[in-house]
Amino acid sequence: MATPVSDNDLKSASFRREREATWKRLADLLARIERNGIASATSQELMELPVLYRATVSSLSVARAISLDRNLLTYLESLAARAYFCVYGSRSRFGEVFKHFIAVQLPEAVRAARWHIAVAAGVTVLGVAVGWLLVGLDSDWFYALVDAWSASSRNPESTTSSLRETLYDQDARLTDMLIAFVSFLFTHNAKIGIMCFALGFALGLPVIYLLFVNGLALGAFYALFASHGLAADFAGWIAIHGTTELAAIILCGAAGLVMGEAVAFPGRLKRSAALKVSGRQATVIALGAVGMLFVAALLEGLGRQLIQDTGLRFAIGGIALAFWIAYFGFAGRRGL
């Protein structure tokens, strides 16, 4: 005896017959994209994809409303979910994400924080000026502004020849130590930068302090070497890596100030919401700055010891500075 066909079965069959071509087209397109990547789809197919997705979602909505069979509902739910992640989800590979970060996200975030960068740079320059003036007036200030480890053998009691030696040391044994030195410098500088970023939530005040103190030490060193007639030599020694390193630390400071501003002046948002929004921008800037610190460590550990010509040191530092200005100023702009 034949099993009677229910009205629900007839509805499902009719519903499927009218719309199945759309579902099949979407399923075939999704299968190819999932297998070969989004680049395998043509421009026409990419334009067609959201249309097919919306049609499938509409079919699912109707199927639920008229209570069609469970198998059909399960199929449409699965197809719609796959299409959603294809249309709206991020399926970029790491290389694509990294490329987008470098080419667009980082320079855009830095440009958006230009006033915070100006403040961070101003505080650093002020620290350098104050440190230079204090040590220039009284060399004993050097011991108060520079810690013993950073000073090493460079202090007001050093002779001109010993100070010059620290700028142009060509000891053959040094080459074997440079790789380890690079690792240490990166860790040390990254710690300063990350502290500037991490302490930003405290209204940015610790950031101002750290940037100022960092500038004080640099100014104190400059005054020390200048007092022995080595101002240009010291500036060249610093320039080869300093344009990158100082820029990175200033960016970390700016990232901290971005967060500090969100806490102090949240505007119409709640502080937690403002901090969440600003935190994304600040994190992008800080990540980029850490990468710059790695480059600076390479220049500091290798370049400034292996390159002994002061003019060449200035040239490398100047080229690095010009590159960072051009990169952050123009990369990622529409039409470029």
C-alpha atoms as a PDB file:
ATOM      1  CA  MET A   1       0.000   0.000   0.000  1.00  0.00           C
ATOM      2  CA  ALA A   2       1.485   3.379  -1.032  1.00  0.00           C
ATOM      3  CA  THR A   3       2.339   5.910   1.672  1.00  0.00           C
ATOM      4  CA  PRO A   4       0.183   9.020   1.311  1.00  0.00           C
ATOM      5  CA  VAL A   5       2.058  12.230   0.520  1.00  0.00           C
ATOM      6  CA  SER A   6       1.471  14.931   3.154  1.00  0.00           C
ATOM      7  CA  ASP A   7       0.824  18.564   2.392  1.00  0.00           C
ATOM      8  CA  ASN A   8       4.139  19.410   4.102  1.00  0.00           C
ATOM      9  CA  ASP A   9       6.028  17.107   1.724  1.00  0.00           C
ATOM     10  CA  LEU A  10       4.337  18.751  -1.252  1.00  0.00           C
ATOM     11  CA  LYS A  11       5.256  22.181   0.077  1.00  0.00           C
ATOM     12  CA  SER A  12       8.911  21.161   0.514  1.00  0.00           C
ATOM     13  CA  ALA A  13       9.105  19.662  -2.979  1.00  0.00           C
ATOM     14  CA  SER A  14       7.531  22.733  -4.575  1.00  0.00           C
ATOM     15  CA  PHE A  15       9.674  25.103  -2.515  1.00  0.00           C
ATOM     16  CA  ARG A  16      12.866  23.241  -3.399  1.00  0.00           C
ATOM     17  CA  ARG A  17      11.999  23.054  -7.098  1.00  0.00           C
ATOM     18  CA  GLU A  18      11.487  26.824  -7.327  1.00  0.00           C
ATOM     19  CA  ARG A  19      14.688  27.860  -5.535  1.00  0.00           C
ATOM     20  CA  GLU A  20      17.103  24.960  -5.726  1.00  0.00           C
ATOM     21  CA  ALA A  21      19.034  26.417  -8.670  1.00  0.00           C
ATOM     22  CA  THR A  22      20.058  29.406  -6.527  1.00  0.00           C
ATOM     23  CA  TRP A  23      21.219  27.185  -3.661  1.00  0.00           C
ATOM     24  CA  LYS A  24      23.193  24.932  -6.001  1.00  0.00           C
ATOM     25  CA  ARG A  25      24.877  27.904  -7.641  1.00  0.00           C
ATOM     26  CA  LEU A  26      25.872  29.270  -4.216  1.00  0.00           C
ATOM     27  CA  ALA A  27      27.075  25.870  -2.987  1.00  0.00           C
ATOM     28  CA  ASP A  28      29.264  25.383  -6.088  1.00  0.00           C
ATOM     29  CA  LEU A  29      30.758  28.869  -5.768  1.00  0.00           C
ATOM     30  CA  LEU A  30      31.455  28.412  -2.058  1.00  0.00           C
ATOM     31  CA  ALA A  31      33.082  25.031  -2.625  1.00  0.00           C
ATOM     32  CA  ARG A  32      35.513  26.554  -5.138  1.00  0.00           C
ATOM     33  CA  ILE A  33      36.335  29.538  -2.937  1.00  0.00           C
ATOM     34  CA  GLU A  34      36.874  27.326   0.113  1.00  0.00           C
ATOM     35  CA  ARG A  35      39.130  25.054  -1.900  1.00  0.00           C
ATOM     36  CA  ASN A  36      41.158  27.592  -3.909  1.00  0.00           C
ATOM     37  CA  GLY A  37      40.723  30.872  -2.031  1.00  0.00           C
ATOM     38  CA  ILE A  38      38.796  34.038  -2.783  1.00  0.00           C
ATOM     39  CA  ALA A  39      41.213  34.929  -5.586  1.00  0.00           C
ATOM     40  CA  SER A  40      39.803  32.053  -7.639  1.00  0.00           C
ATOM     41  CA  ALA A  41      36.476  33.886  -8.028  1.00  0.00           C
ATOM     42  CA  THR A  42      35.987  36.320 -10.888  1.00  0.00           C
ATOM     43  CA  SER A  43      34.806  39.886 -10.336  1.00  0.00           C
ATOM     44  CA  GLN A  44      31.370  38.892 -11.636  1.00  0.00           C
ATOM     45  CA  GLU A  45      31.180  35.999  -9.174  1.00  0.00           C
ATOM     46  CA  LEU A  46      32.221  38.253  -6.299  1.00  0.00           C
ATOM     47  CA  MET A  47      29.359  40.591  -7.171  1.00  0.00           C
ATOM     48  CA  GLU A  48      27.001  37.615  -7.439  1.00  0.00           C
ATOM     49  CA  LEU A  49      28.027  36.082  -4.102  1.00  0.00           C
ATOM     50  CA  PRO A  50      26.179  38.491  -1.735  1.00  0.00           C
ATOM     51  CA  VAL A  51      23.067  38.315  -3.926  1.00  0.00           C
ATOM     52  CA  LEU A  52      23.026  34.519  -3.713  1.00  0.00           C
ATOM     53  CA  TYR A  53      23.659  34.750   0.030  1.00  0.00           C
ATOM     54  CA  ARG A  54      20.704  37.074   0.606  1.00  0.00           C
ATOM     55  CA  ALA A  55      18.451  34.860  -1.540  1.00  0.00           C
ATOM     56  CA  THR A  56      19.455  31.815   0.510  1.00  0.00           C
ATOM     57  CA  VAL A  57      18.837  33.619   3.796  1.00  0.00           C
ATOM     58  CA  SER A  58      15.418  34.632   2.476  1.00  0.00           C
ATOM     59  CA  SER A  59      14.669  31.001   1.576  1.00  0.00           C
ATOM     60  CA  LEU A  60      15.707  29.929   5.066  1.00  0.00           C
ATOM     61  CA  SER A  61      13.430  32.528   6.631  1.00  0.00           C
ATOM     62  CA  VAL A  62      10.454  31.374   4.544  1.00  0.00           C
ATOM     63  CA  ALA A  63      11.210  27.709   5.211  1.00  0.00           C
ATOM     64  CA  ARG A  64      11.158  28.345   8.955  1.00  0.00           C
ATOM     65  CA  ALA A  65       7.951  30.370   8.722  1.00  0.00           C
ATOM     66  CA  ILE A  66       5.994  27.650   6.939  1.00  0.00           C
ATOM     67  CA  SER A  67       7.611  24.806   8.924  1.00  0.00           C
ATOM     68  CA  LEU A  68       9.163  22.814   6.117  1.00  0.00           C
ATOM     69  CA  ASP A  69      10.980  19.528   6.734  1.00  0.00           C
ATOM     70  CA  ARG A  70      13.957  19.470   9.093  1.00  0.00           C
ATOM     71  CA  ASN A  71      16.472  18.192   6.506  1.00  0.00           C
ATOM     72  CA  LEU A  72      15.829  21.161   4.228  1.00  0.00           C
ATOM     73  CA  LEU A  73      16.149  23.592   7.123  1.00  0.00           C
ATOM     74  CA  THR A  74      19.452  22.024   8.202  1.00  0.00           C
ATOM     75  CA  TYR A  75      20.810  22.234   4.643  1.00  0.00           C
ATOM     76  CA  LEU A  76      19.858  25.908   4.259  1.00  0.00           C
ATOM     77  CA  GLU A  77      21.245  26.832   7.685  1.00  0.00           C
ATOM     78  CA  SER A  78      24.575  25.217   6.825  1.00  0.00           C
ATOM     79  CA  LEU A  79      24.706  26.869   3.393  1.00  0.00           C
ATOM     80  CA  ALA A  80      23.826  30.295   4.815  1.00  0.00           C
ATOM     81  CA  ALA A  81      26.475  29.976   7.547  1.00  0.00           C
ATOM     82  CA  ARG A  82      29.172  29.082   5.005  1.00  0.00           C
ATOM     83  CA  ALA A  83      28.153  31.974   2.799  1.00  0.00           C
ATOM     84  CA  TYR A  84      28.126  34.399   5.741  1.00  0.00           C
ATOM     85  CA  PHE A  85      31.731  33.660   6.648  1.00  0.00           C
ATOM     86  CA  CYS A  86      32.735  33.915   3.011  1.00  0.00           C
ATOM     87  CA  VAL A  87      31.003  37.281   2.542  1.00  0.00           C
ATOM     88  CA  TYR A  88      31.673  38.882   5.941  1.00  0.00           C
ATOM     89  CA  GLY A  89      34.289  36.754   7.649  1.00  0.00           C
ATOM     90  CA  SER A  90      38.027  37.239   7.461  1.00  0.00           C
ATOM     91  CA  ARG A  91      39.671  34.476   5.473  1.00  0.00           C
ATOM     92  CA  SER A  92      42.891  36.308   4.806  1.00  0.00           C
ATOM     93  CA  ARG A  93      46.118  34.413   5.196  1.00  0.00           C
ATOM     94  CA  PHE A  94      48.774  35.637   7.595  1.00  0.00           C
ATOM     95  CA  GLY A  95      50.766  37.172   4.748  1.00  0.00           C
ATOM     96  CA  GLU A  96      47.767  39.155   3.552  1.00  0.00           C
ATOM     97  CA  VAL A  97      46.923  40.335   7.072  1.00  0.00           C
ATOM     98  CA  PHE A  98      50.551  41.359   7.700  1.00  0.00           C
ATOM     99  CA  LYS A  99      50.743  43.170   4.363  1.00  0.00           C
ATOM    100  CA  HIS A 100      47.531  45.082   5.127  1.00  0.00           C
ATOM    101  CA  PHE A 101      48.840  45.957   8.594  1.00  0.00           C
ATOM    102  CA  ILE A 102      52.101  47.357   7.213  1.00  0.00           C
ATOM    103  CA  ALA A 103      50.628  49.027   4.132  1.00  0.00           C
ATOM    104  CA  VAL A 104      47.441  50.503   5.593  1.00  0.00           C
ATOM    105  CA  GLN A 105      46.617  49.984   9.285  1.00  0.00           C
ATOM    106  CA  LEU A 106      49.882  51.144  10.854  1.00  0.00           C
ATOM    107  CA  PRO A 107      50.423  54.359   8.858  1.00  0.00           C
ATOM    108  CA  GLU A 108      46.738  55.300   9.204  1.00  0.00           C
ATOM    109  CA  ALA A 109      46.857  54.793  12.981  1.00  0.00           C
ATOM    110  CA  VAL A 110      50.039  56.868  13.253  1.00  0.00           C
ATOM    111  CA  ARG A 111      48.587  59.728  11.198  1.00  0.00           C
ATOM    112  CA  ALA A 112      45.456  59.715  13.357  1.00  0.00           C
ATOM    113  CA  ALA A 113      47.677  60.198  16.441  1.00  0.00           C
ATOM    114  CA  ARG A 114      49.710  63.083  15.004  1.00  0.00           C
ATOM    115  CA  TRP A 115      48.934  65.451  17.891  1.00  0.00           C
ATOM    116  CA  HIS A 116      49.830  62.805  20.460  1.00  0.00           C
ATOM    117  CA  ILE A 117      53.082  62.218  18.574  1.00  0.00           C
ATOM    118  CA  ALA A 118      53.789  65.955  18.599  1.00  0.00           C
ATOM    119  CA  VAL A 119      53.325  66.051  22.391  1.00  0.00           C
ATOM    120  CA  ALA A 120      55.510  62.957  22.919  1.00  0.00           C
ATOM    121  CA  ALA A 121      58.238  64.385  20.683  1.00  0.00           C
ATOM    122  CA  GLY A 122      58.037  67.763  22.417  1.00  0.00           C
ATOM    123  CA  VAL A 123      58.446  66.196  25.862  1.00  0.00           C
ATOM    124  CA  THR A 124      61.436  64.171  24.641  1.00  0.00           C
ATOM    125  CA  VAL A 125      63.120  67.228  23.094  1.00  0.00           C
ATOM    126  CA  LEU A 126      62.484  69.198  26.283  1.00  0.00           C
ATOM    127  CA  GLY A 127      64.145  66.426  28.293  1.00  0.00           C
ATOM    128  CA  VAL A 128      67.180  66.477  25.981  1.00  0.00           C
ATOM    129  CA  ALA A 129      67.472  70.255  26.295  1.00  0.00           C
ATOM    130  CA  VAL A 130      67.186  70.229  30.094  1.00  0.00           C
ATOM    131  CA  GLY A 131      69.708  67.381  30.445  1.00  0.00           C
ATOM    132  CA  TRP A 132      72.174  69.161  28.158  1.00  0.00           C
ATOM    133  CA  LEU A 133      71.826  72.459  30.027  1.00  0.00           C
ATOM    134  CA  LEU A 134      72.138  70.924  33.503  1.00  0.00           C
ATOM    135  CA  VAL A 135      75.267  68.901  32.718  1.00  0.00           C
ATOM    136  CA  GLY A 136      76.697  71.816  30.763  1.00  0.00           C
ATOM    137  CA  LEU A 137      76.351  74.026  33.831  1.00  0.00           C
ATOM    138  CA  ASP A 138      77.523  71.420  36.353  1.00  0.00           C
ATOM    139  CA  SER A 139      78.996  68.070  35.296  1.00  0.00           C
ATOM    140  CA  ASP A 140      77.932  66.484  38.595  1.00  0.00           C
ATOM    141  CA  TRP A 141      74.369  66.478  37.281  1.00  0.00           C
ATOM    142  CA  PHE A 142      75.472  63.664  34.955  1.00  0.00           C
ATOM    143  CA  TYR A 143      75.513  61.178  37.826  1.00  0.00           C
ATOM    144  CA  ALA A 144      71.970  62.122  38.815  1.00  0.00           C
ATOM    145  CA  LEU A 145      70.556  61.878  35.288  1.00  0.00           C
ATOM    146  CA  VAL A 146      72.312  58.749  33.975  1.00  0.00           C
ATOM    147  CA  ASP A 147      72.316  55.381  35.741  1.00  0.00           C
ATOM    148  CA  ALA A 148      75.622  53.637  36.341  1.00  0.00           C
ATOM    149  CA  TRP A 149      74.971  50.795  33.860  1.00  0.00           C
ATOM    150  CA  SER A 150      74.155  53.148  30.982  1.00  0.00           C
ATOM    151  CA  ALA A 151      77.124  55.372  31.785  1.00  0.00           C
ATOM    152  CA  SER A 152      79.572  52.446  31.985  1.00  0.00           C
ATOM    153  CA  SER A 153      83.028  54.002  31.531  1.00  0.00           C
ATOM    154  CA  ARG A 154      81.587  57.212  30.087  1.00  0.00           C
ATOM    155  CA  ASN A 155      81.366  59.878  32.772  1.00  0.00           C
ATOM    156  CA  PRO A 156      82.770  63.351  33.569  1.00  0.00           C
ATOM    157  CA  GLU A 157      85.980  61.769  34.845  1.00  0.00           C
ATOM    158  CA  SER A 158      86.699  60.108  31.475  1.00  0.00           C
ATOM    159  CA  THR A 159      89.431  61.444  29.226  1.00  0.00           C
ATOM    160  CA  THR A 160      88.795  62.655  25.685  1.00  0.00           C
ATOM    161  CA  SER A 161      90.679  59.686  24.248  1.00  0.00           C
ATOM    162  CA  SER A 162      88.681  57.151  26.255  1.00  0.00           C
ATOM    163  CA  LEU A 163      85.395  58.786  25.202  1.00  0.00           C
ATOM    164  CA  ARG A 164      86.500  58.805  21.565  1.00  0.00           C
ATOM    165  CA  GLU A 165      87.369  55.143  21.898  1.00  0.00           C
ATOM    166  CA  THR A 166      83.784  54.314  22.849  1.00  0.00           C
ATOM    167  CA  LEU A 167      82.624  55.923  19.592  1.00  0.00           C
ATOM    168  CA  TYR A 168      85.155  54.288  17.290  1.00  0.00           C
ATOM    169  CA  ASP A 169      86.031  51.002  19.012  1.00  0.00           C
ATOM    170  CA  GLN A 170      87.241  48.512  16.372  1.00  0.00           C
ATOM    171  CA  ASP A 171      88.221  45.691  18.720  1.00  0.00           C
ATOM    172  CA  ALA A 172      88.011  42.479  16.685  1.00  0.00           C
ATOM    173  CA  ARG A 173      86.491  40.649  19.639  1.00  0.00           C
ATOM    174  CA  LEU A 174      83.509  43.005  19.507  1.00  0.00           C
ATOM    175  CA  THR A 175      82.161  41.432  16.315  1.00  0.00           C
ATOM    176  CA  ASP A 176      81.540  38.120  18.073  1.00  0.00           C
ATOM    177  CA  MET A 177      79.520  39.878  20.759  1.00  0.00           C
ATOM    178  CA  LEU A 178      77.321  42.003  18.477  1.00  0.00           C
ATOM    179  CA  ILE A 179      74.500  39.495  17.909  1.00  0.00           C
ATOM    180  CA  ALA A 180      73.988  39.051  21.656  1.00  0.00           C
ATOM    181  CA  PHE A 181      74.246  42.807  22.082  1.00  0.00           C
ATOM    182  CA  VAL A 182      71.505  43.327  19.464  1.00  0.00           C
ATOM    183  CA  SER A 183      69.203  40.981  21.381  1.00  0.00           C
ATOM    184  CA  PHE A 184      69.826  42.819  24.638  1.00  0.00           C
ATOM    185  CA  LEU A 185      69.313  46.262  23.111  1.00  0.00           C
ATOM    186  CA  PHE A 186      66.053  45.222  21.510  1.00  0.00           C
ATOM    187  CA  THR A 187      64.777  43.872  24.833  1.00  0.00           C
ATOM    188  CA  HIS A 188      65.893  46.960  26.748  1.00  0.00           C
ATOM    189  CA  ASN A 189      64.443  49.485  24.294  1.00  0.00           C
ATOM    190  CA  ALA A 190      61.241  47.509  23.812  1.00  0.00           C
ATOM    191  CA  LYS A 191      60.764  47.507  27.592  1.00  0.00           C
ATOM    192  CA  ILE A 192      60.919  51.314  27.673  1.00  0.00           C
ATOM    193  CA  GLY A 193      58.531  51.614  24.746  1.00  0.00           C
ATOM    194  CA  ILE A 194      56.046  49.081  26.092  1.00  0.00           C
ATOM    195  CA  MET A 195      56.060  50.758  29.512  1.00  0.00           C
ATOM    196  CA  CYS A 196      55.137  54.043  27.808  1.00  0.00           C
ATOM    197  CA  PHE A 197      52.273  52.272  26.053  1.00  0.00           C
ATOM    198  CA  ALA A 198      51.087  50.199  29.016  1.00  0.00           C
ATOM    199  CA  LEU A 199      51.028  53.082  31.500  1.00  0.00           C
ATOM    200  CA  GLY A 200      48.959  55.301  29.249  1.00  0.00           C
ATOM    201  CA  PHE A 201      45.730  54.418  31.047  1.00  0.00           C
ATOM    202  CA  ALA A 202      46.927  56.434  34.075  1.00  0.00           C
ATOM    203  CA  LEU A 203      45.894  59.663  32.311  1.00  0.00           C
ATOM    204  CA  GLY A 204      49.170  59.572  30.350  1.00  0.00           C
ATOM    205  CA  LEU A 205      51.172  61.077  33.228  1.00  0.00           C
ATOM    206  CA  PRO A 206      53.676  58.185  33.582  1.00  0.00           C
ATOM    207  CA  VAL A 207      54.214  58.385  29.824  1.00  0.00           C
ATOM    208  CA  ILE A 208      55.221  62.048  30.066  1.00  0.00           C
ATOM    209  CA  TYR A 209      57.617  61.178  32.897  1.00  0.00           C
ATOM    210  CA  LEU A 210      59.277  58.283  31.049  1.00  0.00           C
ATOM    211  CA  LEU A 211      59.736  60.281  27.848  1.00  0.00           C
ATOM    212  CA  PHE A 212      61.184  63.240  29.766  1.00  0.00           C
ATOM    213  CA  VAL A 213      63.615  61.062  31.752  1.00  0.00           C
ATOM    214  CA  ASN A 214      64.725  59.289  28.568  1.00  0.00           C
ATOM    215  CA  GLY A 215      65.411  62.691  27.017  1.00  0.00           C
ATOM    216  CA  LEU A 216      67.321  63.849  30.117  1.00  0.00           C
ATOM    217  CA  ALA A 217      69.783  60.955  29.809  1.00  0.00           C
ATOM    218  CA  LEU A 218      70.357  61.613  26.105  1.00  0.00           C
ATOM    219  CA  GLY A 219      70.931  65.319  26.756  1.00  0.00           C
ATOM    220  CA  ALA A 220      73.358  64.525  29.565  1.00  0.00           C
ATOM    221  CA  PHE A 221      75.425  62.265  27.301  1.00  0.00           C
ATOM    222  CA  TYR A 222      75.496  64.893  24.565  1.00  0.00           C
ATOM    223  CA  ALA A 223      76.732  67.540  27.005  1.00  0.00           C
ATOM    224  CA  LEU A 224      79.444  65.181  28.270  1.00  0.00           C
ATOM    225  CA  PHE A 225      80.844  64.436  24.807  1.00  0.00           C
ATOM    226  CA  ALA A 226      80.437  68.047  23.670  1.00  0.00           C
ATOM    227  CA  SER A 227      82.560  69.209  26.615  1.00  0.00           C
ATOM    228  CA  HIS A 228      85.417  67.138  25.125  1.00  0.00           C
ATOM    229  CA  GLY A 229      84.969  68.464  21.584  1.00  0.00           C
ATOM    230  CA  LEU A 230      83.176  65.303  20.407  1.00  0.00           C
ATOM    231  CA  ALA A 231      79.706  66.761  19.796  1.00  0.00           C
ATOM    232  CA  ALA A 232      79.584  65.885  16.071  1.00  0.00           C
ATOM    233  CA  ASP A 233      81.143  62.449  16.660  1.00  0.00           C
ATOM    234  CA  PHE A 234      78.595  61.615  19.349  1.00  0.00           C
ATOM    235  CA  ALA A 235      75.702  62.923  17.246  1.00  0.00           C
ATOM    236  CA  GLY A 236      76.771  60.721  14.322  1.00  0.00           C
ATOM    237  CA  TRP A 237      77.173  57.716  16.611  1.00  0.00           C
ATOM    238  CA  ILE A 238      73.627  58.287  17.878  1.00  0.00           C
ATOM    239  CA  ALA A 239      72.132  59.198  14.497  1.00  0.00           C
ATOM    240  CA  ILE A 240      72.737  55.861  12.789  1.00  0.00           C
ATOM    241  CA  HIS A 241      70.202  54.162  15.055  1.00  0.00           C
ATOM    242  CA  GLY A 242      68.713  56.999  17.068  1.00  0.00           C
ATOM    243  CA  THR A 243      66.414  58.329  14.344  1.00  0.00           C
ATOM    244  CA  THR A 244      64.668  54.956  14.308  1.00  0.00           C
ATOM    245  CA  GLU A 245      64.900  54.200  18.025  1.00  0.00           C
ATOM    246  CA  LEU A 246      63.726  57.595  19.247  1.00  0.00           C
ATOM    247  CA  ALA A 247      60.925  57.618  16.684  1.00  0.00           C
ATOM    248  CA  ALA A 248      59.784  54.207  17.960  1.00  0.00           C
ATOM    249  CA  ILE A 249      59.852  55.279  21.609  1.00  0.00           C
ATOM    250  CA  ILE A 250      57.972  58.467  20.745  1.00  0.00           C
ATOM    251  CA  LEU A 251      55.357  56.367  18.933  1.00  0.00           C
ATOM    252  CA  CYS A 252      54.977  54.154  22.012  1.00  0.00           C
ATOM    253  CA  GLY A 253      54.584  57.285  24.089  1.00  0.00           C
ATOM    254  CA  ALA A 254      51.974  58.596  21.660  1.00  0.00           C
ATOM    255  CA  ALA A 255      50.104  55.292  21.917  1.00  0.00           C
ATOM    256  CA  GLY A 256      50.060  55.681  25.691  1.00  0.00           C
ATOM    257  CA  LEU A 257      48.790  59.252  25.357  1.00  0.00           C
ATOM    258  CA  VAL A 258      46.000  58.074  23.046  1.00  0.00           C
ATOM    259  CA  MET A 259      44.814  55.785  25.830  1.00  0.00           C
ATOM    260  CA  GLY A 260      45.327  58.455  28.457  1.00  0.00           C
ATOM    261  CA  GLU A 261      43.155  60.878  26.508  1.00  0.00           C
ATOM    262  CA  ALA A 262      40.377  58.293  26.277  1.00  0.00           C
ATOM    263  CA  VAL A 263      40.398  57.930  30.067  1.00  0.00           C
ATOM    264  CA  ALA A 264      40.622  61.656  30.808  1.00  0.00           C
ATOM    265  CA  PHE A 265      38.279  62.880  28.064  1.00  0.00           C
ATOM    266  CA  PRO A 266      35.931  60.061  27.003  1.00  0.00           C
ATOM    267  CA  GLY A 267      33.475  62.474  25.399  1.00  0.00           C
ATOM    268  CA  ARG A 268      29.989  61.052  24.920  1.00  0.00           C
ATOM    269  CA  LEU A 269      31.186  57.493  25.429  1.00  0.00           C
ATOM    270  CA  LYS A 270      31.650  55.706  28.703  1.00  0.00           C
ATOM    271  CA  ARG A 271      35.293  55.531  29.734  1.00  0.00           C
ATOM    272  CA  SER A 272      35.412  51.786  29.189  1.00  0.00           C
ATOM    273  CA  ALA A 273      33.998  52.158  25.673  1.00  0.00           C
ATOM    274  CA  ALA A 274      36.306  55.076  24.822  1.00  0.00           C
ATOM    275  CA  LEU A 275      39.306  53.126  26.119  1.00  0.00           C
ATOM    276  CA  LYS A 276      38.300  50.113  24.043  1.00  0.00           C
ATOM    277  CA  VAL A 277      38.136  52.186  20.846  1.00  0.00           C
ATOM    278  CA  SER A 278      41.378  54.047  21.531  1.00  0.00           C
ATOM    279  CA  GLY A 279      43.046  50.830  22.671  1.00  0.00           C
ATOM    280  CA  ARG A 280      42.773  49.358  19.182  1.00  0.00           C
ATOM    281  CA  GLN A 281      44.526  52.344  17.625  1.00  0.00           C
ATOM    282  CA  ALA A 282      47.147  52.443  20.376  1.00  0.00           C
ATOM    283  CA  THR A 283      47.875  48.722  20.022  1.00  0.00           C
ATOM    284  CA  VAL A 284      48.468  49.050  16.281  1.00  0.00           C
ATOM    285  CA  ILE A 285      50.907  51.920  16.890  1.00  0.00           C
ATOM    286  CA  ALA A 286      52.715  50.033  19.666  1.00  0.00           C
ATOM    287  CA  LEU A 287      53.118  46.905  17.534  1.00  0.00           C
ATOM    288  CA  GLY A 288      54.616  48.950  14.730  1.00  0.00           C
ATOM    289  CA  ALA A 289      56.945  50.682  17.183  1.00  0.00           C
ATOM    290  CA  VAL A 290      58.222  47.343  18.500  1.00  0.00           C
ATOM    291  CA  GLY A 291      59.127  46.393  14.935  1.00  0.00           C
ATOM    292  CA  MET A 292      60.987  49.695  14.570  1.00  0.00           C
ATOM    293  CA  LEU A 293      62.876  48.994  17.808  1.00  0.00           C
ATOM    294  CA  PHE A 294      64.089  45.712  16.328  1.00  0.00           C
ATOM    295  CA  VAL A 295      65.411  47.603  13.286  1.00  0.00           C
ATOM    296  CA  ALA A 296      67.033  50.141  15.617  1.00  0.00           C
ATOM    297  CA  ALA A 297      68.712  47.352  17.591  1.00  0.00           C
ATOM    298  CA  LEU A 298      70.224  45.975  14.394  1.00  0.00           C
ATOM    299  CA  LEU A 299      71.510  49.409  13.418  1.00  0.00           C
ATOM    300  CA  GLU A 300      72.824  50.034  16.930  1.00  0.00           C
ATOM    301  CA  GLY A 301      74.433  46.646  17.486  1.00  0.00           C
ATOM    302  CA  LEU A 302      75.870  46.216  14.012  1.00  0.00           C
ATOM    303  CA  GLY A 303      75.852  49.400  11.987  1.00  0.00           C
ATOM    304  CA  ARG A 304      77.241  51.937  14.375  1.00  0.00           C
ATOM    305  CA  GLN A 305      80.136  49.695  15.466  1.00  0.00           C
ATOM    306  CA  LEU A 306      81.052  48.377  12.028  1.00  0.00           C
ATOM    307  CA  ILE A 307      80.638  51.767  10.286  1.00  0.00           C
ATOM    308  CA  GLN A 308      83.335  54.113  11.566  1.00  0.00           C
ATOM    309  CA  ASP A 309      82.878  57.127   9.299  1.00  0.00           C
ATOM    310  CA  THR A 310      80.866  59.903  10.987  1.00  0.00           C
ATOM    311  CA  GLY A 311      79.536  61.274   7.704  1.00  0.00           C
ATOM    312  CA  LEU A 312      78.246  57.842   6.695  1.00  0.00           C
ATOM    313  CA  ARG A 313      76.641  57.437  10.105  1.00  0.00           C
ATOM    314  CA  PHE A 314      74.782  60.725   9.623  1.00  0.00           C
ATOM    315  CA  ALA A 315      73.760  59.666   6.107  1.00  0.00           C
ATOM    316  CA  ILE A 316      72.303  56.340   7.282  1.00  0.00           C
ATOM    317  CA  GLY A 317      70.456  58.032  10.144  1.00  0.00           C
ATOM    318  CA  GLY A 318      69.129  60.707   7.796  1.00  0.00           C
ATOM    319  CA  ILE A 319      67.947  58.163   5.230  1.00  0.00           C
ATOM    320  CA  ALA A 320      66.202  56.179   7.965  1.00  0.00           C
ATOM    321  CA  LEU A 321      64.451  59.310   9.250  1.00  0.00           C
ATOM    322  CA  ALA A 322      63.364  60.314   5.730  1.00  0.00           C
ATOM    323  CA  PHE A 323      62.006  56.818   5.151  1.00  0.00           C
ATOM    324  CA  TRP A 324      59.913  56.815   8.342  1.00  0.00           C
ATOM    325  CA  ILE A 325      58.523  60.281   7.603  1.00  0.00           C
ATOM    326  CA  ALA A 326      57.589  59.287   4.049  1.00  0.00           C
ATOM    327  CA  TYR A 327      56.145  55.948   5.134  1.00  0.00           C
ATOM    328  CA  PHE A 328      53.965  57.270   7.927  1.00  0.00           C
ATOM    329  CA  GLY A 329      53.051  60.367   5.943  1.00  0.00           C
ATOM    330  CA  PHE A 330      51.954  58.761   2.688  1.00  0.00           C
ATOM    331  CA  ALA A 331      51.567  54.963   2.948  1.00  0.00           C
ATOM    332  CA  GLY A 332      48.008  53.688   2.941  1.00  0.00           C
ATOM    333  CA  ARG A 333      46.455  56.877   1.604  1.00  0.00           C
ATOM    334  CA  ARG A 334      43.714  56.296  -0.946  1.00  0.00           C
ATOM    335  CA  GLY A 335      44.873  56.743  -4.476  1.00  0.00           C
ATOM    336  CA  LEU A 336      48.498  55.943  -3.604  1.00  0.00           C
END
